[in-house]
PDB file of N, CA and C in Angstrom:
ATOM      1  N   MET A   1       0.822  -1.190   0.000  1.00  0.00           N
ATOM      2  CA  MET A   1       0.000   0.000   0.000  1.00  0.00           C
ATOM      3  C   MET A   1       0.864   1.251   0.000  1.00  0.00           C
ATOM      4  N   SER A   2       2.116   1.146   0.437  1.00  0.00           N
ATOM      5  CA  SER A   2       2.973   2.327   0.490  1.00  0.00           C
ATOM      6  C   SER A   2       3.290   2.854  -0.911  1.00  0.00           C
ATOM      7  N   GLN A   3       3.408   1.975  -1.902  1.00  0.00           N
ATOM      8  CA  GLN A   3       3.652   2.443  -3.263  1.00  0.00           C
ATOM      9  C   GLN A   3       2.459   3.244  -3.765  1.00  0.00           C
ATOM     10  N   LEU A   4       1.247   2.781  -3.440  1.00  0.00           N
ATOM     11  CA  LEU A   4       0.050   3.507  -3.837  1.00  0.00           C
ATOM     12  C   LEU A   4      -0.008   4.854  -3.130  1.00  0.00           C
ATOM     13  N   ALA A   5       0.362   4.885  -1.869  1.00  0.00           N
ATOM     14  CA  ALA A   5       0.352   6.127  -1.104  1.00  0.00           C
ATOM     15  C   ALA A   5       1.325   7.148  -1.695  1.00  0.00           C
ATOM     16  N   GLN A   6       2.399   6.691  -2.283  1.00  0.00           N
ATOM     17  CA  GLN A   6       3.366   7.596  -2.892  1.00  0.00           C
ATOM     18  C   GLN A   6       2.841   8.159  -4.212  1.00  0.00           C
ATOM     19  N   ARG A   7       1.997   7.395  -4.914  1.00  0.00           N
ATOM     20  CA  ARG A   7       1.525   7.824  -6.223  1.00  0.00           C
ATOM     21  C   ARG A   7       0.203   8.566  -6.168  1.00  0.00           C
ATOM     22  N   ALA A   8      -0.666   8.236  -5.213  1.00  0.00           N
ATOM     23  CA  ALA A   8      -2.010   8.789  -5.179  1.00  0.00           C
ATOM     24  C   ALA A   8      -2.207   9.674  -3.955  1.00  0.00           C
ATOM     25  N   PRO A   9      -3.155  10.596  -4.044  1.00  0.00           N
ATOM     26  CA  PRO A   9      -3.468  11.426  -2.870  1.00  0.00           C
ATOM     27  C   PRO A   9      -3.984  10.558  -1.718  1.00  0.00           C
ATOM     28  N   ARG A  10      -3.751  11.006  -0.497  1.00  0.00           N
ATOM     29  CA  ARG A  10      -4.114  10.226   0.691  1.00  0.00           C
ATOM     30  C   ARG A  10      -5.596   9.881   0.723  1.00  0.00           C
ATOM     31  N   ASN A  11      -6.467  10.823   0.358  1.00  0.00           N
ATOM     32  CA  ASN A  11      -7.899  10.543   0.435  1.00  0.00           C
ATOM     33  C   ASN A  11      -8.315   9.442  -0.548  1.00  0.00           C
ATOM     34  N   LYS A  12      -7.627   9.331  -1.663  1.00  0.00           N
ATOM     35  CA  LYS A  12      -7.937   8.280  -2.627  1.00  0.00           C
ATOM     36  C   LYS A  12      -7.494   6.914  -2.090  1.00  0.00           C
ATOM     37  N   VAL A  13      -6.343   6.872  -1.439  1.00  0.00           N
ATOM     38  CA  VAL A  13      -5.846   5.631  -0.841  1.00  0.00           C
ATOM     39  C   VAL A  13      -6.816   5.160   0.240  1.00  0.00           C
ATOM     40  N   VAL A  14      -7.287   6.086   1.061  1.00  0.00           N
ATOM     41  CA  VAL A  14      -8.238   5.749   2.118  1.00  0.00           C
ATOM     42  C   VAL A  14      -9.556   5.263   1.510  1.00  0.00           C
ATOM     43  N   ALA A  15     -10.003   5.896   0.442  1.00  0.00           N
ATOM     44  CA  ALA A  15     -11.251   5.491  -0.213  1.00  0.00           C
ATOM     45  C   ALA A  15     -11.142   4.077  -0.778  1.00  0.00           C
ATOM     46  N   ILE A  16     -10.011   3.748  -1.375  1.00  0.00           N
ATOM     47  CA  ILE A  16      -9.810   2.403  -1.926  1.00  0.00           C
ATOM     48  C   ILE A  16      -9.786   1.360  -0.803  1.00  0.00           C
ATOM     49  N   ALA A  17      -9.090   1.677   0.286  1.00  0.00           N
ATOM     50  CA  ALA A  17      -9.036   0.767   1.428  1.00  0.00           C
ATOM     51  C   ALA A  17     -10.425   0.568   2.022  1.00  0.00           C
ATOM     52  N   ASN A  18     -11.200   1.634   2.111  1.00  0.00           N
ATOM     53  CA  ASN A  18     -12.557   1.557   2.639  1.00  0.00           C
ATOM     54  C   ASN A  18     -13.430   0.674   1.749  1.00  0.00           C
ATOM     55  N   LYS A  19     -13.313   0.835   0.448  1.00  0.00           N
ATOM     56  CA  LYS A  19     -14.100   0.030  -0.492  1.00  0.00           C
ATOM     57  C   LYS A  19     -13.757  -1.450  -0.346  1.00  0.00           C
ATOM     58  N   LEU A  20     -12.466  -1.762  -0.256  1.00  0.00           N
ATOM     59  CA  LEU A  20     -12.050  -3.155  -0.099  1.00  0.00           C
ATOM     60  C   LEU A  20     -12.550  -3.743   1.220  1.00  0.00           C
ATOM     61  N   ALA A  21     -12.514  -2.939   2.278  1.00  0.00           N
ATOM     62  CA  ALA A  21     -12.989  -3.399   3.582  1.00  0.00           C
ATOM     63  C   ALA A  21     -14.496  -3.666   3.547  1.00  0.00           C
ATOM     64  N   ARG A  22     -15.266  -2.792   2.878  1.00  0.00           N
ATOM     65  CA  ARG A  22     -16.711  -3.005   2.776  1.00  0.00           C
ATOM     66  C   ARG A  22     -17.031  -4.246   1.951  1.00  0.00           C
ATOM     67  N   MET A  23     -16.255  -4.481   0.890  1.00  0.00           N
ATOM     68  CA  MET A  23     -16.470  -5.686   0.077  1.00  0.00           C
ATOM     69  C   MET A  23     -16.180  -6.938   0.897  1.00  0.00           C
ATOM     70  N   ALA A  24     -15.082  -6.920   1.644  1.00  0.00           N
ATOM     71  CA  ALA A  24     -14.713  -8.070   2.471  1.00  0.00           C
ATOM     72  C   ALA A  24     -15.776  -8.319   3.533  1.00  0.00           C
ATOM     73  N   TRP A  25     -16.266  -7.258   4.181  1.00  0.00           N
ATOM     74  CA  TRP A  25     -17.301  -7.407   5.210  1.00  0.00           C
ATOM     75  C   TRP A  25     -18.577  -7.988   4.597  1.00  0.00           C
ATOM     76  N   ALA A  26     -18.975  -7.524   3.435  1.00  0.00           N
ATOM     77  CA  ALA A  26     -20.188  -8.017   2.786  1.00  0.00           C
ATOM     78  C   ALA A  26     -20.073  -9.511   2.495  1.00  0.00           C
ATOM     79  N   VAL A  27     -18.924  -9.946   2.020  1.00  0.00           N
ATOM     80  CA  VAL A  27     -18.724 -11.365   1.707  1.00  0.00           C
ATOM     81  C   VAL A  27     -18.723 -12.192   2.991  1.00  0.00           C
ATOM     82  N   LEU A  28     -18.001 -11.729   4.007  1.00  0.00           N
ATOM     83  CA  LEU A  28     -17.908 -12.488   5.253  1.00  0.00           C
ATOM     84  C   LEU A  28     -19.240 -12.545   5.995  1.00  0.00           C
ATOM     85  N   SER A  29     -19.981 -11.452   6.000  1.00  0.00           N
ATOM     86  CA  SER A  29     -21.229 -11.424   6.765  1.00  0.00           C
ATOM     87  C   SER A  29     -22.362 -12.152   6.054  1.00  0.00           C
ATOM     88  N   SER A  30     -22.296 -12.241   4.720  1.00  0.00           N
ATOM     89  CA  SER A  30     -23.365 -12.920   3.981  1.00  0.00           C
ATOM     90  C   SER A  30     -23.151 -14.428   3.932  1.00  0.00           C
ATOM     91  N   GLY A  31     -21.908 -14.869   4.043  1.00  0.00           N
ATOM     92  CA  GLY A  31     -21.605 -16.289   3.956  1.00  0.00           C
ATOM     93  C   GLY A  31     -21.602 -16.807   2.524  1.00  0.00           C
ATOM     94  N   LYS A  32     -21.797 -15.913   1.557  1.00  0.00           N
ATOM     95  CA  LYS A  32     -21.797 -16.312   0.150  1.00  0.00           C
ATOM     96  C   LYS A  32     -20.402 -16.147  -0.441  1.00  0.00           C
ATOM     97  N   GLU A  33     -20.182 -16.822  -1.541  1.00  0.00           N
ATOM     98  CA  GLU A  33     -18.907 -16.727  -2.233  1.00  0.00           C
ATOM     99  C   GLU A  33     -18.856 -15.438  -3.047  1.00  0.00           C
ATOM    100  N   TYR A  34     -17.696 -14.792  -3.074  1.00  0.00           N
ATOM    101  CA  TYR A  34     -17.529 -13.563  -3.851  1.00  0.00           C
ATOM    102  C   TYR A  34     -17.558 -13.891  -5.329  1.00  0.00           C
ATOM    103  N   ARG A  35     -18.352 -13.128  -6.078  1.00  0.00           N
ATOM    104  CA  ARG A  35     -18.430 -13.290  -7.534  1.00  0.00           C
ATOM    105  C   ARG A  35     -17.952 -12.002  -8.182  1.00  0.00           C
ATOM    106  N   HIS A  36     -16.797 -12.062  -8.811  1.00  0.00           N
ATOM    107  CA  HIS A  36     -16.236 -10.892  -9.487  1.00  0.00           C
ATOM    108  C   HIS A  36     -17.052 -10.578 -10.728  1.00  0.00           C
ATOM    109  N   GLN A  37     -17.434  -9.316 -10.873  1.00  0.00           N
ATOM    110  CA  GLN A  37     -18.135  -8.882 -12.074  1.00  0.00           C
ATOM    111  C   GLN A  37     -17.161  -8.061 -12.901  1.00  0.00           C
ATOM    112  N   PRO A  38     -16.844  -8.524 -14.110  1.00  0.00           N
ATOM    113  CA  PRO A  38     -15.875  -7.811 -14.944  1.00  0.00           C
ATOM    114  C   PRO A  38     -16.336  -6.374 -15.217  1.00  0.00           C
ATOM    115  N   LEU A  39     -15.366  -5.485 -15.391  1.00  0.00           N
ATOM    116  CA  LEU A  39     -15.676  -4.099 -15.712  1.00  0.00           C
ATOM    117  C   LEU A  39     -16.261  -4.004 -17.101  1.00  0.00           C
ATOM    118  N   GLN A  40     -17.164  -3.061 -17.271  1.00  0.00           N
ATOM    119  CA  GLN A  40     -17.734  -2.806 -18.598  1.00  0.00           C
ATOM    120  C   GLN A  40     -16.710  -2.017 -19.410  1.00  0.00           C
ATOM    121  N   PRO A  41     -16.550  -2.331 -20.694  1.00  0.00           N
ATOM    122  CA  PRO A  41     -15.609  -1.567 -21.506  1.00  0.00           C
ATOM    123  C   PRO A  41     -16.048  -0.102 -21.599  1.00  0.00           C
ATOM    124  N   ALA A  42     -15.094   0.795 -21.583  1.00  0.00           N
ATOM    125  CA  ALA A  42     -15.392   2.218 -21.682  1.00  0.00           C
ATOM    126  C   ALA A  42     -15.882   2.556 -23.086  1.00  0.00           C
ATOM    127  N   ALA A  43     -16.858   3.445 -23.140  1.00  0.00           N
ATOM    128  CA  ALA A  43     -17.368   3.873 -24.453  1.00  0.00           C
ATOM    129  C   ALA A  43     -16.311   4.722 -25.151  1.00  0.00           C
ATOM    130  N   ALA A  44     -16.117   4.469 -26.420  1.00  0.00           N
ATOM    131  CA  ALA A  44     -15.090   5.197 -27.167  1.00  0.00           C
ATOM    132  C   ALA A  44     -15.632   6.430 -27.820  1.00  0.00           C
TER     133      ALA A  44
END
C-alpha cells in the first residue's frame, strides 16, 4: 500500500481501502462466495 500512497493522494488511498474493507465485510457477513463482475468496456 505504500507504493500507492506515494503515487495517489491520501484521500484516494483511504477510499480504496474503505471500499475493499466493505467488500470483504459483505462477503464475510453474507456467507456467500464472492463473484467478481468484470468491468464494462469504456465507451469510445
